[in-house]
Amino acid sequence: MRESSALFKKNVSRIVIAMGIWMLVNPAFAGEPVFEREINLRGTTNTRDIGGYQTSDLRTLRQGQIIRSENLSRLEASDFEKLEQVGLKTVIDLRTQKEHDQSPTVWQGENPPQFFHFPVGDSNNDWFKSQRKLMKRNRFTAEESMEHMIELYGMIAEEGPQSYSKLMDVVLDQSNWPILIHCNAGKDRAGVAVTLILEAIGVDRETIMEEFLLTNEMGRAEEKAVFLSKQRKKPSIGNKSGRGPSASAWLPIVGVAPEMLDAFYARVDEQYGSMDAFLTELGADEEARGALSASLTVAPQELAMGE
């Protein structure tokens, strides 16, 4: 904890502007698991199994098949060992090429999974440029940061289809399971990926939103927001005024909100007419979705037999 905080104080300004806050904030908030679905790793937070959710026809998503996470570049040897114990076969990285190159995942273990890199967005696009400007300015309100993050979900809907199509192709092949999906913070691009998988197998929107918002608790968003607000006001990062964004202004950036996922859904409906049409565009037509649900979920009687 002390070591992570010292590193944060030394590099926070440069890192925030260049590549986001996640690499240095997350280890400071690693701790004991507090959620049943959490996979507790020392080098990151918000790694979780999405198994256990129920579909509209009362089937249950199998445990240990789809995992979501923040980036893996700061995992420790014990973390990789834990993922290997899960039987991980595939890792899908949704980070930009720049994020991928700056913080590569170097697997420390005897049974590395196969890796796929499907970038969602480009570090030089308008959204990432506006993010760097926002961070460099170091003066923004909760309303501004919320608007900025809502725009991200519009960008994901605009620039993500090609990558999500490749992701769905991997997910539809059962030989690739278990699969871990991650981006940089593990909440936005990875959150949309999980949303698409849950939509494909017939999980209702209310449950999908609950899963999406679980990031705030498992990723310790409020703690991170307070931590960043205090750090960015310190003279040690060249902040002579002692001013900076409040914790509430940081919260939309380190956490998630219903408005964000709603913005993604709205953009999909606007461009494709419906989520079903969008999934079909991604290569997951009705037949493929039915096959995925049949293999990735368990019927109630099968669950009873397994108990």
C-alpha atoms as a PDB file:
ATOM      1  CA  MET A   1       0.000   0.000   0.000  1.00  0.00           C
ATOM      2  CA  ARG A   2       2.734   2.489   0.961  1.00  0.00           C
ATOM      3  CA  GLU A   3       4.796   1.566  -2.058  1.00  0.00           C
ATOM      4  CA  SER A   4       1.832   1.997  -4.422  1.00  0.00           C
ATOM      5  CA  SER A   5       0.957   5.376  -2.856  1.00  0.00           C
ATOM      6  CA  ALA A   6       4.532   6.637  -3.155  1.00  0.00           C
ATOM      7  CA  LEU A   7       4.644   5.624  -6.786  1.00  0.00           C
ATOM      8  CA  PHE A   8       1.334   7.346  -7.345  1.00  0.00           C
ATOM      9  CA  LYS A   9       2.571  10.616  -5.833  1.00  0.00           C
ATOM     10  CA  LYS A  10       5.668  10.565  -8.001  1.00  0.00           C
ATOM     11  CA  ASN A  11       4.037   9.777 -11.326  1.00  0.00           C
ATOM     12  CA  VAL A  12       0.324  10.530 -11.084  1.00  0.00           C
ATOM     13  CA  SER A  13       0.302  13.631 -13.295  1.00  0.00           C
ATOM     14  CA  ARG A  14       2.289  12.045 -16.118  1.00  0.00           C
ATOM     15  CA  ILE A  15       0.386   8.778 -15.973  1.00  0.00           C
ATOM     16  CA  VAL A  16      -3.080  10.307 -15.754  1.00  0.00           C
ATOM     17  CA  ILE A  17      -2.450  12.462 -18.804  1.00  0.00           C
ATOM     18  CA  ALA A  18      -0.741   9.785 -20.842  1.00  0.00           C
ATOM     19  CA  MET A  19      -2.652   6.592 -20.170  1.00  0.00           C
ATOM     20  CA  GLY A  20      -5.229   6.834 -17.400  1.00  0.00           C
ATOM     21  CA  ILE A  21      -5.167   6.174 -13.673  1.00  0.00           C
ATOM     22  CA  TRP A  22      -5.745   2.453 -13.451  1.00  0.00           C
ATOM     23  CA  MET A  23      -2.209   1.131 -13.376  1.00  0.00           C
ATOM     24  CA  LEU A  24      -1.320   2.928 -10.173  1.00  0.00           C
ATOM     25  CA  VAL A  25      -4.606   3.260  -8.336  1.00  0.00           C
ATOM     26  CA  ASN A  26      -5.820  -0.319  -8.408  1.00  0.00           C
ATOM     27  CA  PRO A  27      -3.067  -2.076  -6.425  1.00  0.00           C
ATOM     28  CA  ALA A  28      -3.602   0.464  -3.641  1.00  0.00           C
ATOM     29  CA  PHE A  29      -7.138  -0.846  -3.230  1.00  0.00           C
ATOM     30  CA  ALA A  30      -6.531  -4.572  -3.524  1.00  0.00           C
ATOM     31  CA  GLY A  31      -7.763  -6.476  -0.492  1.00  0.00           C
ATOM     32  CA  GLU A  32      -9.709  -9.449   0.779  1.00  0.00           C
ATOM     33  CA  PRO A  33     -12.563 -10.652  -1.449  1.00  0.00           C
ATOM     34  CA  VAL A  34     -15.941  -9.339  -0.341  1.00  0.00           C
ATOM     35  CA  PHE A  35     -18.111 -10.711  -3.161  1.00  0.00           C
ATOM     36  CA  GLU A  36     -18.817 -14.338  -3.938  1.00  0.00           C
ATOM     37  CA  ARG A  37     -18.084 -13.928  -7.649  1.00  0.00           C
ATOM     38  CA  GLU A  38     -14.849 -11.993  -7.092  1.00  0.00           C
ATOM     39  CA  ILE A  39     -11.549 -13.562  -8.126  1.00  0.00           C
ATOM     40  CA  ASN A  40      -9.222 -11.947  -5.633  1.00  0.00           C
ATOM     41  CA  LEU A  41      -5.960 -10.892  -7.285  1.00  0.00           C
ATOM     42  CA  ARG A  42      -3.194  -8.872  -5.632  1.00  0.00           C
ATOM     43  CA  GLY A  43      -2.297  -6.833  -8.707  1.00  0.00           C
ATOM     44  CA  THR A  44      -5.725  -5.508  -9.634  1.00  0.00           C
ATOM     45  CA  THR A  45      -9.340  -5.136  -8.531  1.00  0.00           C
ATOM     46  CA  ASN A  46     -12.681  -5.896 -10.149  1.00  0.00           C
ATOM     47  CA  THR A  47     -11.841  -9.339 -11.538  1.00  0.00           C
ATOM     48  CA  ARG A  48     -14.998 -11.393 -11.418  1.00  0.00           C
ATOM     49  CA  ASP A  49     -16.810 -14.451 -12.725  1.00  0.00           C
ATOM     50  CA  ILE A  50     -20.075 -13.530 -14.421  1.00  0.00           C
ATOM     51  CA  GLY A  51     -21.508 -17.018 -13.953  1.00  0.00           C
ATOM     52  CA  GLY A  52     -24.723 -17.468 -11.987  1.00  0.00           C
ATOM     53  CA  TYR A  53     -26.930 -14.927 -13.759  1.00  0.00           C
ATOM     54  CA  GLN A  54     -30.292 -16.221 -14.922  1.00  0.00           C
ATOM     55  CA  THR A  55     -31.781 -15.927 -18.395  1.00  0.00           C
ATOM     56  CA  SER A  56     -35.395 -15.039 -19.150  1.00  0.00           C
ATOM     57  CA  ASP A  57     -36.184 -18.751 -19.657  1.00  0.00           C
ATOM     58  CA  LEU A  58     -34.728 -19.563 -16.220  1.00  0.00           C
ATOM     59  CA  ARG A  59     -31.478 -21.091 -17.380  1.00  0.00           C
ATOM     60  CA  THR A  60     -28.361 -20.163 -15.377  1.00  0.00           C
ATOM     61  CA  LEU A  61     -25.039 -18.970 -16.768  1.00  0.00           C
ATOM     62  CA  ARG A  62     -22.349 -21.539 -15.965  1.00  0.00           C
ATOM     63  CA  GLN A  63     -19.704 -20.594 -13.420  1.00  0.00           C
ATOM     64  CA  GLY A  64     -16.053 -20.260 -14.375  1.00  0.00           C
ATOM     65  CA  GLN A  65     -16.523 -19.749 -18.116  1.00  0.00           C
ATOM     66  CA  ILE A  66     -16.588 -15.972 -18.673  1.00  0.00           C
ATOM     67  CA  ILE A  67     -14.440 -13.706 -16.497  1.00  0.00           C
ATOM     68  CA  ARG A  68     -14.078  -9.933 -16.732  1.00  0.00           C
ATOM     69  CA  SER A  69     -11.182  -7.902 -15.398  1.00  0.00           C
ATOM     70  CA  GLU A  70      -9.107  -4.790 -15.458  1.00  0.00           C
ATOM     71  CA  ASN A  71      -5.771  -4.995 -17.284  1.00  0.00           C
ATOM     72  CA  LEU A  72      -3.380  -7.752 -16.262  1.00  0.00           C
ATOM     73  CA  SER A  73      -0.020  -6.033 -16.617  1.00  0.00           C
ATOM     74  CA  ARG A  74       0.592  -5.643 -12.880  1.00  0.00           C
ATOM     75  CA  LEU A  75      -0.477  -9.081 -11.746  1.00  0.00           C
ATOM     76  CA  GLU A  76       1.870 -10.992  -9.477  1.00  0.00           C
ATOM     77  CA  ALA A  77       3.022 -14.587  -9.924  1.00  0.00           C
ATOM     78  CA  SER A  78       0.389 -15.790  -7.447  1.00  0.00           C
ATOM     79  CA  ASP A  79      -2.297 -14.050  -9.497  1.00  0.00           C
ATOM     80  CA  PHE A  80      -1.306 -15.876 -12.663  1.00  0.00           C
ATOM     81  CA  GLU A  81      -1.247 -19.116 -10.709  1.00  0.00           C
ATOM     82  CA  LYS A  82      -4.793 -18.452  -9.500  1.00  0.00           C
ATOM     83  CA  LEU A  83      -5.991 -17.824 -13.057  1.00  0.00           C
ATOM     84  CA  GLU A  84      -4.338 -21.014 -14.225  1.00  0.00           C
ATOM     85  CA  GLN A  85      -6.149 -22.889 -11.448  1.00  0.00           C
ATOM     86  CA  VAL A  86      -9.395 -21.589 -12.928  1.00  0.00           C
ATOM     87  CA  GLY A  87      -8.342 -23.330 -16.138  1.00  0.00           C
ATOM     88  CA  LEU A  88      -8.162 -20.136 -18.160  1.00  0.00           C
ATOM     89  CA  LYS A  89      -7.741 -20.866 -21.869  1.00  0.00           C
ATOM     90  CA  THR A  90      -8.225 -17.480 -23.519  1.00  0.00           C
ATOM     91  CA  VAL A  91      -7.579 -13.799 -22.797  1.00  0.00           C
ATOM     92  CA  ILE A  92      -9.241 -11.095 -24.908  1.00  0.00           C
ATOM     93  CA  ASP A  93      -7.637  -7.649 -24.581  1.00  0.00           C
ATOM     94  CA  LEU A  94      -9.806  -4.710 -25.713  1.00  0.00           C
ATOM     95  CA  ARG A  95      -7.283  -1.945 -24.981  1.00  0.00           C
ATOM     96  CA  THR A  96      -5.990   0.430 -27.619  1.00  0.00           C
ATOM     97  CA  GLN A  97      -2.729  -0.399 -29.324  1.00  0.00           C
ATOM     98  CA  LYS A  98      -0.988   2.276 -27.255  1.00  0.00           C
ATOM     99  CA  GLU A  99      -2.351   0.921 -23.973  1.00  0.00           C
ATOM    100  CA  HIS A 100      -1.406  -2.592 -25.022  1.00  0.00           C
ATOM    101  CA  ASP A 101       2.159  -1.581 -25.944  1.00  0.00           C
ATOM    102  CA  GLN A 102       2.759   0.576 -22.862  1.00  0.00           C
ATOM    103  CA  SER A 103       1.571  -2.045 -20.396  1.00  0.00           C
ATOM    104  CA  PRO A 104       1.958  -5.509 -21.909  1.00  0.00           C
ATOM    105  CA  THR A 105       0.822  -8.637 -20.119  1.00  0.00           C
ATOM    106  CA  VAL A 106       3.808 -10.883 -19.450  1.00  0.00           C
ATOM    107  CA  TRP A 107       2.386 -14.201 -18.314  1.00  0.00           C
ATOM    108  CA  GLN A 108       4.142 -15.735 -15.324  1.00  0.00           C
ATOM    109  CA  GLY A 109       3.081 -19.339 -15.289  1.00  0.00           C
ATOM    110  CA  GLU A 110       3.474 -22.760 -16.819  1.00  0.00           C
ATOM    111  CA  ASN A 111       0.203 -22.811 -18.769  1.00  0.00           C
ATOM    112  CA  PRO A 112      -0.309 -19.460 -20.499  1.00  0.00           C
ATOM    113  CA  PRO A 113      -3.637 -18.978 -22.282  1.00  0.00           C
ATOM    114  CA  GLN A 114      -3.994 -17.870 -25.882  1.00  0.00           C
ATOM    115  CA  PHE A 115      -4.174 -14.104 -26.288  1.00  0.00           C
ATOM    116  CA  PHE A 116      -6.328 -12.046 -28.646  1.00  0.00           C
ATOM    117  CA  HIS A 117      -5.966  -8.289 -28.983  1.00  0.00           C
ATOM    118  CA  PHE A 118      -9.102  -6.632 -30.374  1.00  0.00           C
ATOM    119  CA  PRO A 119      -8.681  -2.865 -29.784  1.00  0.00           C
ATOM    120  CA  VAL A 120     -11.862  -0.873 -29.199  1.00  0.00           C
ATOM    121  CA  GLY A 121     -11.064   2.703 -30.143  1.00  0.00           C
ATOM    122  CA  ASP A 122      -7.787   4.366 -30.997  1.00  0.00           C
ATOM    123  CA  SER A 123      -5.640   6.480 -28.689  1.00  0.00           C
ATOM    124  CA  ASN A 124      -5.616   9.253 -31.311  1.00  0.00           C
ATOM    125  CA  ASN A 125      -9.364   9.450 -31.821  1.00  0.00           C
ATOM    126  CA  ASP A 126     -11.416  12.423 -30.644  1.00  0.00           C
ATOM    127  CA  TRP A 127     -12.551  10.819 -27.392  1.00  0.00           C
ATOM    128  CA  PHE A 128      -9.085   9.880 -26.160  1.00  0.00           C
ATOM    129  CA  LYS A 129      -7.778  13.315 -27.154  1.00  0.00           C
ATOM    130  CA  SER A 130     -10.533  14.945 -25.109  1.00  0.00           C
ATOM    131  CA  GLN A 131      -9.691  12.666 -22.188  1.00  0.00           C
ATOM    132  CA  ARG A 132      -6.068  13.792 -22.209  1.00  0.00           C
ATOM    133  CA  LYS A 133      -7.169  17.435 -22.310  1.00  0.00           C
ATOM    134  CA  LEU A 134      -9.576  16.871 -19.427  1.00  0.00           C
ATOM    135  CA  MET A 135      -6.912  15.237 -17.271  1.00  0.00           C
ATOM    136  CA  LYS A 136      -4.290  17.862 -18.097  1.00  0.00           C
ATOM    137  CA  ARG A 137      -6.669  20.696 -17.270  1.00  0.00           C
ATOM    138  CA  ASN A 138      -7.229  19.192 -13.800  1.00  0.00           C
ATOM    139  CA  ARG A 139     -10.403  21.250 -13.385  1.00  0.00           C
ATOM    140  CA  PHE A 140     -13.684  19.562 -14.217  1.00  0.00           C
ATOM    141  CA  THR A 141     -17.060  19.056 -12.587  1.00  0.00           C
ATOM    142  CA  ALA A 142     -19.111  15.922 -12.014  1.00  0.00           C
ATOM    143  CA  GLU A 143     -21.406  17.024 -14.844  1.00  0.00           C
ATOM    144  CA  GLU A 144     -18.467  17.413 -17.244  1.00  0.00           C
ATOM    145  CA  SER A 145     -16.930  14.060 -16.364  1.00  0.00           C
ATOM    146  CA  MET A 146     -20.311  12.328 -16.672  1.00  0.00           C
ATOM    147  CA  GLU A 147     -20.874  13.856 -20.091  1.00  0.00           C
ATOM    148  CA  HIS A 148     -17.357  12.817 -21.094  1.00  0.00           C
ATOM    149  CA  MET A 149     -17.967   9.204 -20.061  1.00  0.00           C
ATOM    150  CA  ILE A 150     -21.366   9.054 -21.757  1.00  0.00           C
ATOM    151  CA  GLU A 151     -19.600  10.150 -24.940  1.00  0.00           C
ATOM    152  CA  LEU A 152     -17.216   7.201 -24.466  1.00  0.00           C
ATOM    153  CA  TYR A 153     -20.107   4.757 -24.763  1.00  0.00           C
ATOM    154  CA  GLY A 154     -21.180   6.437 -27.977  1.00  0.00           C
ATOM    155  CA  MET A 155     -17.613   6.023 -29.251  1.00  0.00           C
ATOM    156  CA  ILE A 156     -17.635   2.348 -28.241  1.00  0.00           C
ATOM    157  CA  ALA A 157     -20.828   1.792 -30.237  1.00  0.00           C
ATOM    158  CA  GLU A 158     -19.326   3.626 -33.218  1.00  0.00           C
ATOM    159  CA  GLU A 159     -15.817   2.161 -33.279  1.00  0.00           C
ATOM    160  CA  GLY A 160     -16.274  -1.129 -31.446  1.00  0.00           C
ATOM    161  CA  PRO A 161     -18.295  -3.373 -33.792  1.00  0.00           C
ATOM    162  CA  GLN A 162     -15.325  -4.799 -35.684  1.00  0.00           C
ATOM    163  CA  SER A 163     -13.573  -5.774 -32.456  1.00  0.00           C
ATOM    164  CA  TYR A 164     -16.740  -7.054 -30.785  1.00  0.00           C
ATOM    165  CA  SER A 165     -17.460  -9.148 -33.860  1.00  0.00           C
ATOM    166  CA  LYS A 166     -14.064 -10.842 -33.412  1.00  0.00           C
ATOM    167  CA  LEU A 167     -14.759 -11.225 -29.705  1.00  0.00           C
ATOM    168  CA  MET A 168     -18.116 -12.890 -30.350  1.00  0.00           C
ATOM    169  CA  ASP A 169     -16.462 -15.271 -32.788  1.00  0.00           C
ATOM    170  CA  VAL A 170     -14.104 -16.389 -30.014  1.00  0.00           C
ATOM    171  CA  VAL A 171     -16.872 -16.583 -27.403  1.00  0.00           C
ATOM    172  CA  LEU A 172     -19.130 -18.660 -29.664  1.00  0.00           C
ATOM    173  CA  ASP A 173     -16.457 -21.378 -29.862  1.00  0.00           C
ATOM    174  CA  GLN A 174     -16.727 -23.454 -26.687  1.00  0.00           C
ATOM    175  CA  SER A 175     -13.185 -24.767 -27.113  1.00  0.00           C
ATOM    176  CA  ASN A 176     -11.932 -21.305 -26.094  1.00  0.00           C
ATOM    177  CA  TRP A 177     -13.583 -21.355 -22.656  1.00  0.00           C
ATOM    178  CA  PRO A 178     -12.871 -20.256 -19.964  1.00  0.00           C
ATOM    179  CA  ILE A 179     -12.326 -16.754 -21.362  1.00  0.00           C
ATOM    180  CA  LEU A 180     -11.110 -13.641 -19.557  1.00  0.00           C
ATOM    181  CA  ILE A 181     -12.096 -10.312 -21.147  1.00  0.00           C
ATOM    182  CA  HIS A 182     -10.372  -7.110 -20.112  1.00  0.00           C
ATOM    183  CA  CYS A 183      -9.634  -3.553 -21.151  1.00  0.00           C
ATOM    184  CA  ASN A 184      -7.663  -0.970 -19.179  1.00  0.00           C
ATOM    185  CA  ALA A 185     -10.033  -0.185 -16.312  1.00  0.00           C
ATOM    186  CA  GLY A 186     -12.174  -3.270 -16.830  1.00  0.00           C
ATOM    187  CA  LYS A 187     -15.405  -1.316 -16.660  1.00  0.00           C
ATOM    188  CA  ASP A 188     -16.293   0.293 -19.997  1.00  0.00           C
ATOM    189  CA  ARG A 189     -15.098  -1.669 -23.040  1.00  0.00           C
ATOM    190  CA  ALA A 190     -15.080  -4.904 -21.045  1.00  0.00           C
ATOM    191  CA  GLY A 191     -18.427  -3.928 -19.513  1.00  0.00           C
ATOM    192  CA  VAL A 192     -19.954  -3.585 -22.972  1.00  0.00           C
ATOM    193  CA  ALA A 193     -18.453  -6.946 -24.004  1.00  0.00           C
ATOM    194  CA  VAL A 194     -20.113  -8.665 -21.042  1.00  0.00           C
ATOM    195  CA  THR A 195     -23.360  -6.837 -21.798  1.00  0.00           C
ATOM    196  CA  LEU A 196     -23.323  -8.236 -25.339  1.00  0.00           C
ATOM    197  CA  ILE A 197     -22.712 -11.790 -24.100  1.00  0.00           C
ATOM    198  CA  LEU A 198     -25.523 -11.531 -21.550  1.00  0.00           C
ATOM    199  CA  GLU A 199     -27.833 -10.066 -24.200  1.00  0.00           C
ATOM    200  CA  ALA A 200     -26.922 -12.920 -26.558  1.00  0.00           C
ATOM    201  CA  ILE A 201     -27.940 -15.629 -24.091  1.00  0.00           C
ATOM    202  CA  GLY A 202     -31.173 -13.897 -23.049  1.00  0.00           C
ATOM    203  CA  VAL A 203     -30.464 -12.219 -19.712  1.00  0.00           C
ATOM    204  CA  ASP A 204     -32.921  -9.386 -19.034  1.00  0.00           C
ATOM    205  CA  ARG A 205     -31.866  -5.725 -19.077  1.00  0.00           C
ATOM    206  CA  GLU A 206     -32.423  -5.162 -15.363  1.00  0.00           C
ATOM    207  CA  THR A 207     -30.027  -7.987 -14.474  1.00  0.00           C
ATOM    208  CA  ILE A 208     -27.509  -6.783 -17.062  1.00  0.00           C
ATOM    209  CA  MET A 209     -27.584  -3.324 -15.499  1.00  0.00           C
ATOM    210  CA  GLU A 210     -27.071  -4.812 -12.030  1.00  0.00           C
ATOM    211  CA  GLU A 211     -24.022  -6.677 -13.303  1.00  0.00           C
ATOM    212  CA  PHE A 212     -22.727  -3.524 -14.982  1.00  0.00           C
ATOM    213  CA  LEU A 213     -23.099  -1.432 -11.820  1.00  0.00           C
ATOM    214  CA  LEU A 214     -21.432  -4.055  -9.630  1.00  0.00           C
ATOM    215  CA  THR A 215     -18.151  -2.554 -10.852  1.00  0.00           C
ATOM    216  CA  ASN A 216     -18.681   0.401  -8.499  1.00  0.00           C
ATOM    217  CA  GLU A 217     -18.529  -1.845  -5.443  1.00  0.00           C
ATOM    218  CA  MET A 218     -16.032  -4.448  -6.607  1.00  0.00           C
ATOM    219  CA  GLY A 219     -13.759  -1.834  -8.165  1.00  0.00           C
ATOM    220  CA  ARG A 220     -13.996   0.379  -5.043  1.00  0.00           C
ATOM    221  CA  ALA A 221     -14.953   3.372  -7.157  1.00  0.00           C
ATOM    222  CA  GLU A 222     -15.800   5.732  -4.291  1.00  0.00           C
ATOM    223  CA  GLU A 223     -12.491   5.050  -2.531  1.00  0.00           C
ATOM    224  CA  LYS A 224     -10.566   5.635  -5.746  1.00  0.00           C
ATOM    225  CA  ALA A 225     -12.449   8.876  -6.408  1.00  0.00           C
ATOM    226  CA  VAL A 226     -11.578  10.224  -2.940  1.00  0.00           C
ATOM    227  CA  PHE A 227      -7.968   9.109  -3.323  1.00  0.00           C
ATOM    228  CA  LEU A 228      -7.571  10.804  -6.710  1.00  0.00           C
ATOM    229  CA  SER A 229      -9.238  13.997  -5.546  1.00  0.00           C
ATOM    230  CA  LYS A 230      -6.752  14.302  -2.678  1.00  0.00           C
ATOM    231  CA  GLN A 231      -3.726  13.393  -4.788  1.00  0.00           C
ATOM    232  CA  ARG A 232      -4.490  15.755  -7.641  1.00  0.00           C
ATOM    233  CA  LYS A 233      -4.689  18.701  -5.254  1.00  0.00           C
ATOM    234  CA  LYS A 234      -1.191  18.170  -3.861  1.00  0.00           C
ATOM    235  CA  PRO A 235       1.719  20.504  -4.688  1.00  0.00           C
ATOM    236  CA  SER A 236       3.895  17.424  -5.282  1.00  0.00           C
ATOM    237  CA  ILE A 237       2.363  17.038  -8.744  1.00  0.00           C
ATOM    238  CA  GLY A 238       2.975  20.674  -9.638  1.00  0.00           C
ATOM    239  CA  ASN A 239      -0.454  21.885  -8.550  1.00  0.00           C
ATOM    240  CA  LYS A 240       0.370  25.320  -7.103  1.00  0.00           C
ATOM    241  CA  SER A 241      -3.263  26.339  -6.614  1.00  0.00           C
ATOM    242  CA  GLY A 242      -4.106  23.314  -4.474  1.00  0.00           C
ATOM    243  CA  ARG A 243      -7.312  22.953  -6.446  1.00  0.00           C
ATOM    244  CA  GLY A 244      -8.543  20.011  -8.416  1.00  0.00           C
ATOM    245  CA  PRO A 245     -11.594  17.914  -9.233  1.00  0.00           C
ATOM    246  CA  SER A 246     -13.744  16.810  -6.318  1.00  0.00           C
ATOM    247  CA  ALA A 247     -14.336  13.170  -5.505  1.00  0.00           C
ATOM    248  CA  SER A 248     -17.795  13.439  -7.082  1.00  0.00           C
ATOM    249  CA  ALA A 249     -16.150  14.717 -10.278  1.00  0.00           C
ATOM    250  CA  TRP A 250     -13.801  11.749 -10.354  1.00  0.00           C
ATOM    251  CA  LEU A 251     -16.531   9.200  -9.663  1.00  0.00           C
ATOM    252  CA  PRO A 252     -17.906   8.909 -13.238  1.00  0.00           C
ATOM    253  CA  ILE A 253     -14.335   8.375 -14.489  1.00  0.00           C
ATOM    254  CA  VAL A 254     -13.397   5.607 -12.050  1.00  0.00           C
ATOM    255  CA  GLY A 255     -16.881   4.099 -11.815  1.00  0.00           C
ATOM    256  CA  VAL A 256     -19.918   3.486 -13.953  1.00  0.00           C
ATOM    257  CA  ALA A 257     -23.466   4.860 -14.064  1.00  0.00           C
ATOM    258  CA  PRO A 258     -26.734   3.710 -15.682  1.00  0.00           C
ATOM    259  CA  GLU A 259     -26.602   6.663 -18.081  1.00  0.00           C
ATOM    260  CA  MET A 260     -23.445   5.259 -19.641  1.00  0.00           C
ATOM    261  CA  LEU A 261     -24.852   1.861 -20.594  1.00  0.00           C
ATOM    262  CA  ASP A 262     -28.129   3.526 -21.563  1.00  0.00           C
ATOM    263  CA  ALA A 263     -26.163   5.693 -23.999  1.00  0.00           C
ATOM    264  CA  PHE A 264     -24.673   2.569 -25.585  1.00  0.00           C
ATOM    265  CA  TYR A 265     -28.097   0.973 -25.970  1.00  0.00           C
ATOM    266  CA  ALA A 266     -29.513   4.185 -27.461  1.00  0.00           C
ATOM    267  CA  ARG A 267     -26.725   4.410 -30.039  1.00  0.00           C
ATOM    268  CA  VAL A 268     -27.187   0.747 -30.994  1.00  0.00           C
ATOM    269  CA  ASP A 269     -30.935   1.247 -31.461  1.00  0.00           C
ATOM    270  CA  GLU A 270     -30.291   4.389 -33.476  1.00  0.00           C
ATOM    271  CA  GLN A 271     -27.818   2.730 -35.832  1.00  0.00           C
ATOM    272  CA  TYR A 272     -29.074  -0.867 -36.019  1.00  0.00           C
ATOM    273  CA  GLY A 273     -32.709  -0.711 -34.955  1.00  0.00           C
ATOM    274  CA  SER A 274     -32.399  -3.214 -32.129  1.00  0.00           C
ATOM    275  CA  MET A 275     -29.924  -5.182 -30.050  1.00  0.00           C
ATOM    276  CA  ASP A 276     -30.917  -8.363 -31.897  1.00  0.00           C
ATOM    277  CA  ALA A 277     -29.975  -6.726 -35.203  1.00  0.00           C
ATOM    278  CA  PHE A 278     -26.699  -5.511 -33.712  1.00  0.00           C
ATOM    279  CA  LEU A 279     -25.779  -8.960 -32.410  1.00  0.00           C
ATOM    280  CA  THR A 280     -26.587 -10.421 -35.815  1.00  0.00           C
ATOM    281  CA  GLU A 281     -24.286  -7.818 -37.361  1.00  0.00           C
ATOM    282  CA  LEU A 282     -21.570  -9.029 -34.964  1.00  0.00           C
ATOM    283  CA  GLY A 283     -21.982 -12.595 -36.216  1.00  0.00           C
ATOM    284  CA  ALA A 284     -24.260 -13.826 -33.423  1.00  0.00           C
ATOM    285  CA  ASP A 285     -27.539 -14.403 -35.246  1.00  0.00           C
ATOM    286  CA  GLU A 286     -30.561 -16.040 -33.628  1.00  0.00           C
ATOM    287  CA  GLU A 287     -29.283 -19.548 -34.301  1.00  0.00           C
ATOM    288  CA  ALA A 288     -25.813 -18.779 -32.943  1.00  0.00           C
ATOM    289  CA  ARG A 289     -27.284 -17.127 -29.859  1.00  0.00           C
ATOM    290  CA  GLY A 290     -29.464 -20.159 -29.217  1.00  0.00           C
ATOM    291  CA  ALA A 291     -26.471 -22.474 -29.479  1.00  0.00           C
ATOM    292  CA  LEU A 292     -24.434 -20.245 -27.160  1.00  0.00           C
ATOM    293  CA  SER A 293     -27.203 -20.183 -24.575  1.00  0.00           C
ATOM    294  CA  ALA A 294     -27.602 -23.951 -24.747  1.00  0.00           C
ATOM    295  CA  SER A 295     -23.898 -24.550 -24.084  1.00  0.00           C
ATOM    296  CA  LEU A 296     -23.088 -21.640 -21.782  1.00  0.00           C
ATOM    297  CA  THR A 297     -26.124 -21.990 -19.518  1.00  0.00           C
ATOM    298  CA  VAL A 298     -27.630 -24.759 -17.429  1.00  0.00           C
ATOM    299  CA  ALA A 299     -31.320 -25.661 -17.134  1.00  0.00           C
ATOM    300  CA  PRO A 300     -32.935 -25.681 -13.650  1.00  0.00           C
ATOM    301  CA  GLN A 301     -33.167 -29.482 -13.578  1.00  0.00           C
ATOM    302  CA  GLU A 302     -29.481 -29.765 -14.481  1.00  0.00           C
ATOM    303  CA  LEU A 303     -28.602 -27.473 -11.599  1.00  0.00           C
ATOM    304  CA  ALA A 304     -30.674 -29.591  -9.222  1.00  0.00           C
ATOM    305  CA  MET A 305     -28.946 -32.751 -10.390  1.00  0.00           C
ATOM    306  CA  GLY A 306     -25.551 -31.170  -9.815  1.00  0.00           C
ATOM    307  CA  GLU A 307     -26.265 -30.261  -6.219  1.00  0.00           C
END
